[in-house]
Protein backbone atom coordinates (compact mmCIF):
# COMPACT_ATOMS: atom_id res chain seq x y z
CA UNK A 1 -53.70 -25.85 44.43
CA UNK A 2 -50.62 -27.33 42.73
CA UNK A 3 -50.65 -30.59 41.04
CA UNK A 4 -48.67 -33.45 42.71
CA UNK A 5 -45.47 -34.23 40.66
CA UNK A 6 -45.70 -37.63 39.33
CA UNK A 7 -42.46 -39.49 39.00
CA UNK A 8 -41.52 -40.67 35.28
CA UNK A 9 -41.19 -44.28 34.85
CA UNK A 10 -37.57 -45.27 34.58
CA UNK A 11 -36.11 -45.70 31.06
CA UNK A 12 -35.40 -49.39 30.17
CA UNK A 13 -31.60 -50.29 30.19
CA UNK A 14 -29.97 -50.11 26.68
CA UNK A 15 -28.79 -53.24 25.35
CA UNK A 16 -24.86 -53.23 24.74
CA UNK A 17 -23.89 -53.31 21.18
CA UNK A 18 -22.66 -56.46 19.84
CA UNK A 19 -18.86 -56.69 18.90
CA UNK A 20 -19.90 -56.97 15.21
CA UNK A 21 -21.95 -53.89 15.30
CA UNK A 22 -18.97 -52.16 17.03
CA UNK A 23 -16.64 -53.22 14.26
CA UNK A 24 -18.87 -52.25 11.69
CA UNK A 25 -19.04 -48.73 13.02
CA UNK A 26 -15.27 -48.56 13.60
CA UNK A 27 -14.76 -49.54 10.00
CA UNK A 28 -17.48 -47.03 8.65
CA UNK A 29 -16.05 -44.19 10.77
CA UNK A 30 -12.13 -45.02 9.76
CA UNK A 31 -13.25 -45.22 5.90
CA UNK A 32 -15.24 -41.98 6.07
CA UNK A 33 -12.30 -40.14 7.80
CA UNK A 34 -10.01 -41.58 5.18
CA UNK A 35 -12.27 -40.57 2.21
CA UNK A 36 -12.59 -37.03 3.70
CA UNK A 37 -8.53 -36.87 3.73
CA UNK A 38 -8.21 -38.17 0.09
CA UNK A 39 -11.14 -35.73 -1.02
CA UNK A 40 -9.09 -32.78 0.66
CA UNK A 41 -5.83 -34.01 -0.94
CA UNK A 42 -7.29 -34.02 -4.52
CA UNK A 43 -9.02 -30.64 -4.26
CA UNK A 44 -6.88 -27.79 -5.86
CA UNK A 45 -5.76 -24.97 -3.75
CA UNK A 46 -7.64 -21.83 -3.90
CA UNK A 47 -6.48 -18.26 -3.86
CA UNK A 48 -7.89 -15.07 -2.24
CA UNK A 49 -10.18 -12.79 -4.15
CA UNK A 50 -6.97 -10.33 -4.47
CA UNK A 51 -5.55 -12.95 -6.57
CA UNK A 52 -8.47 -13.28 -8.61
CA UNK A 53 -8.63 -9.37 -9.04
CA UNK A 54 -5.12 -9.31 -9.99
CA UNK A 55 -5.47 -12.05 -12.54
CA UNK A 56 -8.53 -10.52 -14.13
CA UNK A 57 -6.40 -7.12 -14.36
CA UNK A 58 -3.57 -9.04 -16.04
CA UNK A 59 -5.86 -10.77 -18.63
CA UNK A 60 -7.56 -7.38 -19.42
CA UNK A 61 -4.20 -5.27 -19.77
CA UNK A 62 -2.00 -7.78 -21.61
CA UNK A 63 -1.73 -6.90 -25.15
CA UNK A 64 -3.03 -9.38 -27.71
CA UNK A 65 -2.20 -12.71 -25.71
CA UNK A 66 -2.98 -15.84 -27.53
CA UNK A 67 -2.25 -17.81 -24.42
CA UNK A 68 -1.62 -16.97 -20.70
CA UNK A 69 -0.44 -19.78 -18.37
CA UNK A 70 -0.05 -18.88 -14.57
CA UNK A 71 3.18 -20.36 -13.36
CA UNK A 72 3.45 -19.18 -9.68
CA UNK A 73 1.51 -16.94 -7.27
CA UNK A 74 2.58 -15.49 -3.84
CA UNK A 75 -0.74 -14.57 -2.55
CA UNK A 76 0.06 -11.82 0.20
CA UNK A 77 0.97 -8.10 0.04
CA UNK A 78 1.49 -7.60 -2.53
CA UNK A 79 0.02 -10.31 -4.70
CA UNK A 80 2.95 -11.54 -6.95
CA UNK A 81 1.92 -13.63 -10.01
CA UNK A 82 4.53 -15.12 -12.56
CA UNK A 83 2.86 -16.00 -15.96
CA UNK A 84 3.93 -17.32 -19.28
CA UNK A 85 2.43 -15.41 -22.24
CA UNK A 86 2.35 -16.38 -25.87
CA UNK A 87 1.51 -13.75 -28.28
CA UNK A 88 -0.23 -14.19 -31.78
CA UNK A 89 3.19 -14.57 -33.67
CA UNK A 90 4.23 -17.40 -31.11
CA UNK A 91 6.69 -15.48 -29.22
CA UNK A 92 6.80 -16.80 -25.55
CA UNK A 93 7.62 -14.66 -22.65
CA UNK A 94 7.71 -15.07 -18.94
CA UNK A 95 6.44 -12.12 -17.08
CA UNK A 96 5.87 -11.07 -13.51
CA UNK A 97 3.13 -8.88 -11.97
CA UNK A 98 2.51 -7.30 -8.62
CA UNK A 99 -0.77 -5.99 -7.48
CA UNK A 100 -0.85 -3.64 -4.33
CA UNK A 101 -4.30 -3.29 -2.70
CA UNK A 102 -5.63 -0.01 -0.69
CA UNK A 103 -6.09 -0.04 2.94
CA UNK A 104 -8.60 1.46 5.23
CA UNK A 105 -8.03 3.54 8.30
CA UNK A 106 -7.72 0.44 10.57
CA UNK A 107 -5.12 -1.13 8.03
CA UNK A 108 -7.36 -3.81 6.63
CA UNK A 109 -6.91 -4.56 2.79
CA UNK A 110 -9.77 -3.25 0.64
CA UNK A 111 -10.86 -5.05 -2.65
CA UNK A 112 -9.37 -2.17 -4.58
CA UNK A 113 -5.99 -1.76 -6.44
CA UNK A 114 -3.76 1.13 -5.65
CA UNK A 115 -0.56 0.05 -7.72
CA UNK A 116 0.24 -2.38 -10.35
CA UNK A 117 4.03 -3.24 -11.29
CA UNK A 118 4.63 -5.43 -14.44
CA UNK A 119 8.08 -6.79 -14.81
CA UNK A 120 9.62 -4.84 -11.93
CA UNK A 121 11.52 -2.65 -14.50
CA UNK A 122 11.99 1.02 -14.77
CA UNK A 123 9.86 1.24 -18.02
CA UNK A 124 6.33 2.14 -17.30
CA UNK A 125 3.70 0.07 -18.96
CA UNK A 126 0.22 1.32 -19.99
CA UNK A 127 -1.39 -0.56 -17.30
CA UNK A 128 0.63 0.57 -14.54
CA UNK A 129 -0.85 4.11 -15.24
CA UNK A 130 -3.05 5.38 -12.30
CA UNK A 131 -6.00 6.39 -14.69
CA UNK A 132 -6.07 2.89 -15.77
CA UNK A 133 -6.20 1.34 -12.37
CA UNK A 134 -8.81 3.93 -11.21
CA UNK A 135 -11.00 2.89 -14.29
CA UNK A 136 -10.47 -0.78 -13.45
CA UNK A 137 -11.51 -0.25 -9.87
CA UNK A 138 -15.11 1.15 -11.04
CA UNK A 139 -15.56 -2.55 -12.36
CA UNK A 140 -14.16 -4.57 -9.17
CA UNK A 141 -18.00 -4.95 -7.77
CA UNK A 142 -18.80 -6.83 -10.97
CA UNK A 143 -15.54 -9.20 -10.42
CA UNK A 144 -16.79 -9.74 -6.74
CA UNK A 145 -20.34 -10.71 -7.81
CA UNK A 146 -18.86 -12.99 -10.39
CA UNK A 147 -15.55 -14.37 -9.20
CA UNK A 148 -12.91 -15.69 -11.52
CA UNK A 149 -11.23 -19.15 -11.25
CA UNK A 150 -9.01 -18.95 -8.04
CA UNK A 151 -7.31 -22.22 -8.54
CA UNK A 152 -3.78 -21.69 -7.75
CA UNK A 153 -1.19 -22.96 -10.35
CA UNK A 154 0.66 -26.11 -9.22
CA UNK A 155 3.94 -25.26 -10.94
CA UNK A 156 7.30 -25.42 -9.12
CA UNK A 157 9.75 -22.76 -9.62
CA UNK A 158 12.61 -24.93 -8.65
CA UNK A 159 13.26 -26.34 -12.00
CA UNK A 160 13.96 -23.66 -14.52
CA UNK A 161 13.86 -26.17 -17.25
CA UNK A 162 10.05 -26.73 -16.86
CA UNK A 163 9.49 -23.05 -17.95
CA UNK A 164 10.11 -24.22 -21.27
CA UNK A 165 7.36 -26.88 -21.35
CA UNK A 166 4.87 -24.98 -19.26
CA UNK A 167 1.47 -25.46 -20.98
């Protein structure tokens, strides 16, 4: 025999919020939204892991840099990085590097370098040699486990006079 269903007692009606409570909630929600927007605006832009891999490759293959300052990044295919290098003798030079990544059979990019081009010249640098790229690709899992700083530079290329003072 089935038990007869007993109706639940009705819920007591909710008391409407007072206008002061509503006003406090609106201010709280609005200030939280504004705070979130400000926080997002202050957070530096982050690049992809391909940018990080290319950056590590530059740092490992640049001969005797005293300092490397990243000026501009185009994070796409290829990853293009413009950087300023100061060598131990104080000579400053602005260089460019392009990192090309391998693709799988479906066309998606892999975390593996296929080609590296430094300064886009006809001269072949040591870093551009396929055996150096192959040797570097062996260590990419370690880079993925310990990612480098992916913060993009906030330097504009519009004013060439700023290159001199880039720190």
